Amino acid sequence: MARKPLPEIVRWSQELFAPLGSIRTKAMFGGWGFYCDDFFFALIANEVLYLKADDEESQARFRAAGSEPFSYRYPDGRTITMAYWSAPEEALDSPNAMAPWARGALACAVRAGAKKRKR
């Protein structure tokens, strides 16, 4: 059975993230997850690219760039906000423009992985 082609936003995001190294994508929950060296650092939901941010400093950078946090509403009305922020518009222009944002998101994912291993 032939695989369906990746959506354009996923293919473009792979190009944006290529300077990080080996990027793997995975379809999940109606969206897509992005991994670099097995670290989950970005996702696409509702055609929006989100990047991991783990503390007030990294979240403040996203906030200052006009980004919004990723939130999900459960069928029962509860809403959760996750530690992923929409990529700034200017970062979507090229791999060079995305590089500092993507490196920061990957660093957050690496720190999260280290915390999990300590537990």
N, C-alpha and C. Protein backbone atom coordinates (compact mmCIF):
# COMPACT_ATOMS: atom_id res chain seq x y z
N MET A 1 0.84 -1.18 0.00
CA MET A 1 0.00 0.00 0.00
C MET A 1 0.89 1.25 0.00
N ALA A 2 0.60 2.18 -0.89
CA ALA A 2 1.39 3.41 -0.99
C ALA A 2 1.11 4.33 0.19
N ARG A 3 2.18 4.96 0.67
CA ARG A 3 2.02 5.91 1.77
C ARG A 3 1.51 7.23 1.23
N LYS A 4 0.67 7.87 2.00
CA LYS A 4 0.18 9.19 1.62
C LYS A 4 1.32 10.19 1.73
N PRO A 5 1.36 11.16 0.82
CA PRO A 5 2.41 12.18 0.93
C PRO A 5 2.21 13.02 2.19
N LEU A 6 3.31 13.51 2.73
CA LEU A 6 3.24 14.37 3.91
C LEU A 6 2.59 15.70 3.55
N PRO A 7 1.82 16.27 4.48
CA PRO A 7 1.27 17.61 4.24
C PRO A 7 2.40 18.62 4.03
N GLU A 8 2.11 19.65 3.26
CA GLU A 8 3.11 20.68 2.95
C GLU A 8 3.74 21.28 4.21
N ILE A 9 2.93 21.56 5.23
CA ILE A 9 3.48 22.17 6.45
C ILE A 9 4.48 21.24 7.14
N VAL A 10 4.25 19.94 7.03
CA VAL A 10 5.19 18.98 7.63
C VAL A 10 6.48 18.95 6.82
N ARG A 11 6.38 18.90 5.49
CA ARG A 11 7.58 18.90 4.65
C ARG A 11 8.39 20.18 4.85
N TRP A 12 7.72 21.34 4.90
CA TRP A 12 8.44 22.60 5.10
C TRP A 12 9.10 22.64 6.48
N SER A 13 8.40 22.15 7.49
CA SER A 13 8.97 22.13 8.85
C SER A 13 10.20 21.24 8.90
N GLN A 14 10.17 20.12 8.18
CA GLN A 14 11.35 19.25 8.12
C GLN A 14 12.54 20.02 7.53
N GLU A 15 12.29 20.82 6.50
CA GLU A 15 13.35 21.63 5.91
C GLU A 15 13.86 22.68 6.91
N LEU A 16 12.92 23.30 7.61
CA LEU A 16 13.31 24.31 8.59
C LEU A 16 14.20 23.72 9.68
N PHE A 17 13.91 22.48 10.07
CA PHE A 17 14.63 21.83 11.16
C PHE A 17 15.87 21.06 10.71
N ALA A 18 16.09 20.91 9.41
CA ALA A 18 17.19 20.09 8.89
C ALA A 18 18.55 20.44 9.49
N PRO A 19 18.88 21.72 9.74
CA PRO A 19 20.19 22.01 10.32
C PRO A 19 20.43 21.39 11.71
N LEU A 20 19.36 20.98 12.39
CA LEU A 20 19.52 20.38 13.72
C LEU A 20 20.14 19.00 13.65
N GLY A 21 19.92 18.29 12.54
CA GLY A 21 20.40 16.92 12.42
C GLY A 21 19.31 16.02 11.88
N SER A 22 19.30 14.80 12.33
CA SER A 22 18.33 13.80 11.85
C SER A 22 16.95 14.07 12.46
N ILE A 23 16.01 14.45 11.62
CA ILE A 23 14.65 14.77 12.07
C ILE A 23 13.72 13.63 11.70
N ARG A 24 12.93 13.21 12.64
CA ARG A 24 11.93 12.16 12.42
C ARG A 24 10.57 12.75 12.74
N THR A 25 9.57 12.43 11.92
CA THR A 25 8.21 12.88 12.17
C THR A 25 7.31 11.69 12.46
N LYS A 26 6.26 11.97 13.20
CA LYS A 26 5.31 10.92 13.55
C LYS A 26 3.92 11.53 13.59
N ALA A 27 2.98 10.91 12.87
CA ALA A 27 1.59 11.36 12.93
C ALA A 27 1.05 11.01 14.32
N MET A 28 0.35 11.96 14.93
CA MET A 28 -0.20 11.71 16.26
C MET A 28 -1.38 12.63 16.55
N PHE A 29 -2.44 12.08 17.05
CA PHE A 29 -3.60 12.83 17.52
C PHE A 29 -4.10 13.85 16.51
N GLY A 30 -4.10 13.48 15.24
CA GLY A 30 -4.56 14.39 14.20
C GLY A 30 -3.55 15.44 13.80
N GLY A 31 -2.36 15.38 14.36
CA GLY A 31 -1.29 16.33 14.04
C GLY A 31 -0.01 15.57 13.78
N TRP A 32 1.11 16.22 14.04
CA TRP A 32 2.42 15.63 13.79
C TRP A 32 3.38 16.00 14.92
N GLY A 33 4.25 15.05 15.26
CA GLY A 33 5.30 15.30 16.23
C GLY A 33 6.65 15.27 15.54
N PHE A 34 7.59 16.08 16.02
CA PHE A 34 8.94 16.15 15.45
C PHE A 34 9.95 15.75 16.51
N TYR A 35 10.86 14.87 16.11
CA TYR A 35 11.90 14.37 16.99
C TYR A 35 13.26 14.63 16.37
N CYS A 36 14.23 14.96 17.19
CA CYS A 36 15.63 15.03 16.79
C CYS A 36 16.38 14.18 17.80
N ASP A 37 17.06 13.16 17.30
CA ASP A 37 17.78 12.25 18.20
C ASP A 37 16.88 11.76 19.33
N ASP A 38 15.67 11.40 19.00
CA ASP A 38 14.67 10.85 19.93
C ASP A 38 14.14 11.84 20.95
N PHE A 39 14.43 13.11 20.79
CA PHE A 39 13.88 14.14 21.67
C PHE A 39 12.72 14.84 20.96
N PHE A 40 11.56 14.82 21.59
CA PHE A 40 10.34 15.43 21.04
C PHE A 40 10.41 16.93 21.31
N PHE A 41 10.57 17.73 20.25
CA PHE A 41 10.80 19.16 20.45
C PHE A 41 9.80 20.07 19.73
N ALA A 42 8.96 19.51 18.88
CA ALA A 42 8.01 20.35 18.14
C ALA A 42 6.80 19.53 17.75
N LEU A 43 5.72 20.23 17.47
CA LEU A 43 4.50 19.56 17.00
C LEU A 43 3.73 20.48 16.07
N ILE A 44 2.90 19.86 15.26
CA ILE A 44 1.96 20.60 14.42
C ILE A 44 0.57 20.18 14.82
N ALA A 45 -0.29 21.15 15.10
CA ALA A 45 -1.70 20.91 15.41
C ALA A 45 -2.50 22.01 14.72
N ASN A 46 -3.55 21.60 14.05
CA ASN A 46 -4.41 22.56 13.35
C ASN A 46 -3.61 23.49 12.43
N GLU A 47 -2.64 22.90 11.72
CA GLU A 47 -1.82 23.65 10.75
C GLU A 47 -0.94 24.73 11.38
N VAL A 48 -0.64 24.61 12.67
CA VAL A 48 0.23 25.55 13.37
C VAL A 48 1.43 24.77 13.91
N LEU A 49 2.63 25.31 13.69
CA LEU A 49 3.85 24.72 14.21
C LEU A 49 4.13 25.28 15.60
N TYR A 50 4.33 24.38 16.56
CA TYR A 50 4.63 24.75 17.94
C TYR A 50 6.00 24.20 18.33
N LEU A 51 6.72 24.94 19.16
CA LEU A 51 8.04 24.55 19.63
C LEU A 51 8.05 24.47 21.15
N LYS A 52 8.85 23.54 21.68
CA LYS A 52 8.91 23.33 23.13
C LYS A 52 9.56 24.53 23.82
N ALA A 53 9.00 24.91 24.94
CA ALA A 53 9.55 25.96 25.82
C ALA A 53 9.35 25.48 27.25
N ASP A 54 10.43 25.46 28.05
CA ASP A 54 10.32 24.80 29.34
C ASP A 54 10.35 25.69 30.57
N ASP A 55 10.69 26.93 30.43
CA ASP A 55 10.74 27.76 31.63
C ASP A 55 10.28 29.17 31.29
N GLU A 56 10.20 29.99 32.29
CA GLU A 56 9.69 31.35 32.07
C GLU A 56 10.55 32.14 31.10
N GLU A 57 11.85 31.91 31.14
CA GLU A 57 12.73 32.64 30.22
C GLU A 57 12.45 32.28 28.76
N SER A 58 12.39 30.98 28.47
CA SER A 58 12.13 30.59 27.08
C SER A 58 10.70 30.94 26.66
N GLN A 59 9.77 30.81 27.58
CA GLN A 59 8.39 31.19 27.25
C GLN A 59 8.28 32.70 27.03
N ALA A 60 9.04 33.48 27.77
CA ALA A 60 9.01 34.94 27.61
C ALA A 60 9.49 35.35 26.22
N ARG A 61 10.48 34.64 25.68
CA ARG A 61 10.95 34.92 24.32
C ARG A 61 9.82 34.71 23.32
N PHE A 62 9.08 33.63 23.48
CA PHE A 62 7.96 33.36 22.57
C PHE A 62 6.88 34.42 22.74
N ARG A 63 6.57 34.73 23.99
CA ARG A 63 5.53 35.74 24.26
C ARG A 63 5.91 37.07 23.60
N ALA A 64 7.18 37.47 23.73
CA ALA A 64 7.64 38.73 23.16
C ALA A 64 7.57 38.73 21.63
N ALA A 65 7.66 37.55 21.04
CA ALA A 65 7.59 37.43 19.58
C ALA A 65 6.15 37.33 19.08
N GLY A 66 5.17 37.39 20.00
CA GLY A 66 3.77 37.32 19.61
C GLY A 66 3.22 35.91 19.49
N SER A 67 3.93 34.93 20.02
CA SER A 67 3.50 33.53 19.96
C SER A 67 2.45 33.24 21.01
N GLU A 68 1.75 32.13 20.81
CA GLU A 68 0.71 31.68 21.73
C GLU A 68 1.03 30.25 22.20
N PRO A 69 0.68 29.91 23.44
CA PRO A 69 0.89 28.53 23.90
C PRO A 69 -0.13 27.58 23.26
N PHE A 70 0.29 26.34 23.13
CA PHE A 70 -0.61 25.30 22.62
C PHE A 70 -1.55 24.88 23.74
N SER A 71 -2.83 24.88 23.46
CA SER A 71 -3.79 24.40 24.45
C SER A 71 -4.76 23.44 23.76
N TYR A 72 -5.31 22.56 24.56
CA TYR A 72 -6.21 21.53 24.07
C TYR A 72 -7.45 21.51 24.95
N ARG A 73 -8.61 21.49 24.33
CA ARG A 73 -9.86 21.42 25.07
C ARG A 73 -10.42 20.00 24.99
N TYR A 74 -10.63 19.40 26.15
CA TYR A 74 -11.23 18.07 26.24
C TYR A 74 -12.72 18.18 25.97
N PRO A 75 -13.32 17.09 25.54
CA PRO A 75 -14.78 17.10 25.30
C PRO A 75 -15.60 17.51 26.53
N ASP A 76 -15.06 17.28 27.74
CA ASP A 76 -15.81 17.65 28.95
C ASP A 76 -15.65 19.13 29.31
N GLY A 77 -14.91 19.89 28.47
CA GLY A 77 -14.77 21.32 28.70
C GLY A 77 -13.47 21.75 29.34
N ARG A 78 -12.75 20.80 29.93
CA ARG A 78 -11.46 21.14 30.54
C ARG A 78 -10.47 21.54 29.44
N THR A 79 -9.61 22.50 29.76
CA THR A 79 -8.57 22.92 28.83
C THR A 79 -7.22 22.76 29.50
N ILE A 80 -6.28 22.20 28.76
CA ILE A 80 -4.91 22.12 29.27
C ILE A 80 -4.01 22.93 28.34
N THR A 81 -3.01 23.54 28.92
CA THR A 81 -2.02 24.28 28.16
C THR A 81 -0.71 23.54 28.31
N MET A 82 -0.08 23.28 27.18
CA MET A 82 1.18 22.53 27.19
C MET A 82 2.36 23.46 26.99
N ALA A 83 3.54 22.97 27.23
CA ALA A 83 4.77 23.77 27.15
C ALA A 83 5.29 23.85 25.71
N TYR A 84 4.40 24.14 24.80
CA TYR A 84 4.75 24.33 23.39
C TYR A 84 4.13 25.65 22.95
N TRP A 85 4.90 26.45 22.20
CA TRP A 85 4.45 27.77 21.77
C TRP A 85 4.52 27.86 20.25
N SER A 86 3.59 28.58 19.66
CA SER A 86 3.59 28.74 18.21
C SER A 86 4.89 29.38 17.75
N ALA A 87 5.40 28.88 16.64
CA ALA A 87 6.63 29.43 16.09
C ALA A 87 6.38 30.86 15.63
N PRO A 88 7.29 31.76 15.93
CA PRO A 88 7.13 33.14 15.46
C PRO A 88 7.07 33.18 13.93
N GLU A 89 6.25 34.06 13.41
CA GLU A 89 6.05 34.17 11.96
C GLU A 89 7.37 34.28 11.21
N GLU A 90 8.26 35.15 11.69
CA GLU A 90 9.53 35.36 10.96
C GLU A 90 10.41 34.12 10.97
N ALA A 91 10.23 33.24 11.96
CA ALA A 91 11.03 32.00 12.02
C ALA A 91 10.62 31.01 10.94
N LEU A 92 9.43 31.18 10.39
CA LEU A 92 8.92 30.25 9.38
C LEU A 92 9.47 30.55 7.99
N ASP A 93 10.25 31.61 7.86
CA ASP A 93 10.74 32.04 6.55
C ASP A 93 11.85 31.17 5.98
N SER A 94 12.75 30.69 6.83
CA SER A 94 13.91 29.95 6.34
C SER A 94 14.53 29.13 7.47
N PRO A 95 15.36 28.13 7.10
CA PRO A 95 16.08 27.39 8.14
C PRO A 95 16.96 28.30 9.00
N ASN A 96 17.57 29.33 8.41
CA ASN A 96 18.40 30.24 9.20
C ASN A 96 17.57 31.02 10.22
N ALA A 97 16.39 31.47 9.79
CA ALA A 97 15.51 32.21 10.70
C ALA A 97 14.98 31.30 11.81
N MET A 98 14.76 30.04 11.50
CA MET A 98 14.23 29.09 12.48
C MET A 98 15.32 28.60 13.44
N ALA A 99 16.57 28.62 13.02
CA ALA A 99 17.65 27.98 13.77
C ALA A 99 17.69 28.31 15.26
N PRO A 100 17.67 29.58 15.68
CA PRO A 100 17.76 29.83 17.13
C PRO A 100 16.54 29.31 17.89
N TRP A 101 15.39 29.38 17.27
CA TRP A 101 14.16 28.90 17.91
C TRP A 101 14.17 27.38 18.02
N ALA A 102 14.59 26.71 16.95
CA ALA A 102 14.63 25.25 16.94
C ALA A 102 15.68 24.73 17.92
N ARG A 103 16.86 25.38 17.94
CA ARG A 103 17.90 24.96 18.90
C ARG A 103 17.41 25.12 20.34
N GLY A 104 16.71 26.22 20.60
CA GLY A 104 16.17 26.42 21.95
C GLY A 104 15.14 25.37 22.32
N ALA A 105 14.27 25.02 21.37
CA ALA A 105 13.25 24.00 21.62
C ALA A 105 13.90 22.64 21.87
N LEU A 106 14.92 22.32 21.09
CA LEU A 106 15.62 21.06 21.28
C LEU A 106 16.33 21.04 22.63
N ALA A 107 16.93 22.15 23.02
CA ALA A 107 17.58 22.21 24.34
C ALA A 107 16.57 21.98 25.45
N CYS A 108 15.37 22.52 25.31
CA CYS A 108 14.31 22.28 26.30
C CYS A 108 13.96 20.79 26.36
N ALA A 109 13.86 20.16 25.20
CA ALA A 109 13.53 18.73 25.16
C ALA A 109 14.62 17.89 25.79
N VAL A 110 15.87 18.27 25.56
CA VAL A 110 16.99 17.55 26.17
C VAL A 110 16.95 17.70 27.69
N ARG A 111 16.69 18.91 28.17
CA ARG A 111 16.58 19.11 29.63
C ARG A 111 15.44 18.28 30.22
N ALA A 112 14.32 18.24 29.51
CA ALA A 112 13.18 17.44 29.99
C ALA A 112 13.54 15.96 30.05
N GLY A 113 14.29 15.50 29.06
CA GLY A 113 14.74 14.10 29.06
C GLY A 113 15.67 13.80 30.21
N ALA A 114 16.55 14.73 30.53
CA ALA A 114 17.47 14.54 31.65
C ALA A 114 16.71 14.49 32.97
N LYS A 115 15.69 15.32 33.12
CA LYS A 115 14.89 15.30 34.34
C LYS A 115 14.17 13.97 34.51
N LYS A 116 13.65 13.43 33.40
CA LYS A 116 12.95 12.13 33.47
C LYS A 116 13.90 11.03 33.88
N ARG A 117 15.13 11.05 33.34
CA ARG A 117 16.10 10.01 33.67
C ARG A 117 16.50 10.07 35.13
N LYS A 118 16.53 11.27 35.74
CA LYS A 118 16.90 11.41 37.15
C LYS A 118 15.85 10.80 38.07
N ARG A 119 14.59 10.83 37.63
CA ARG A 119 13.53 10.28 38.46
C ARG A 119 13.64 8.82 38.46
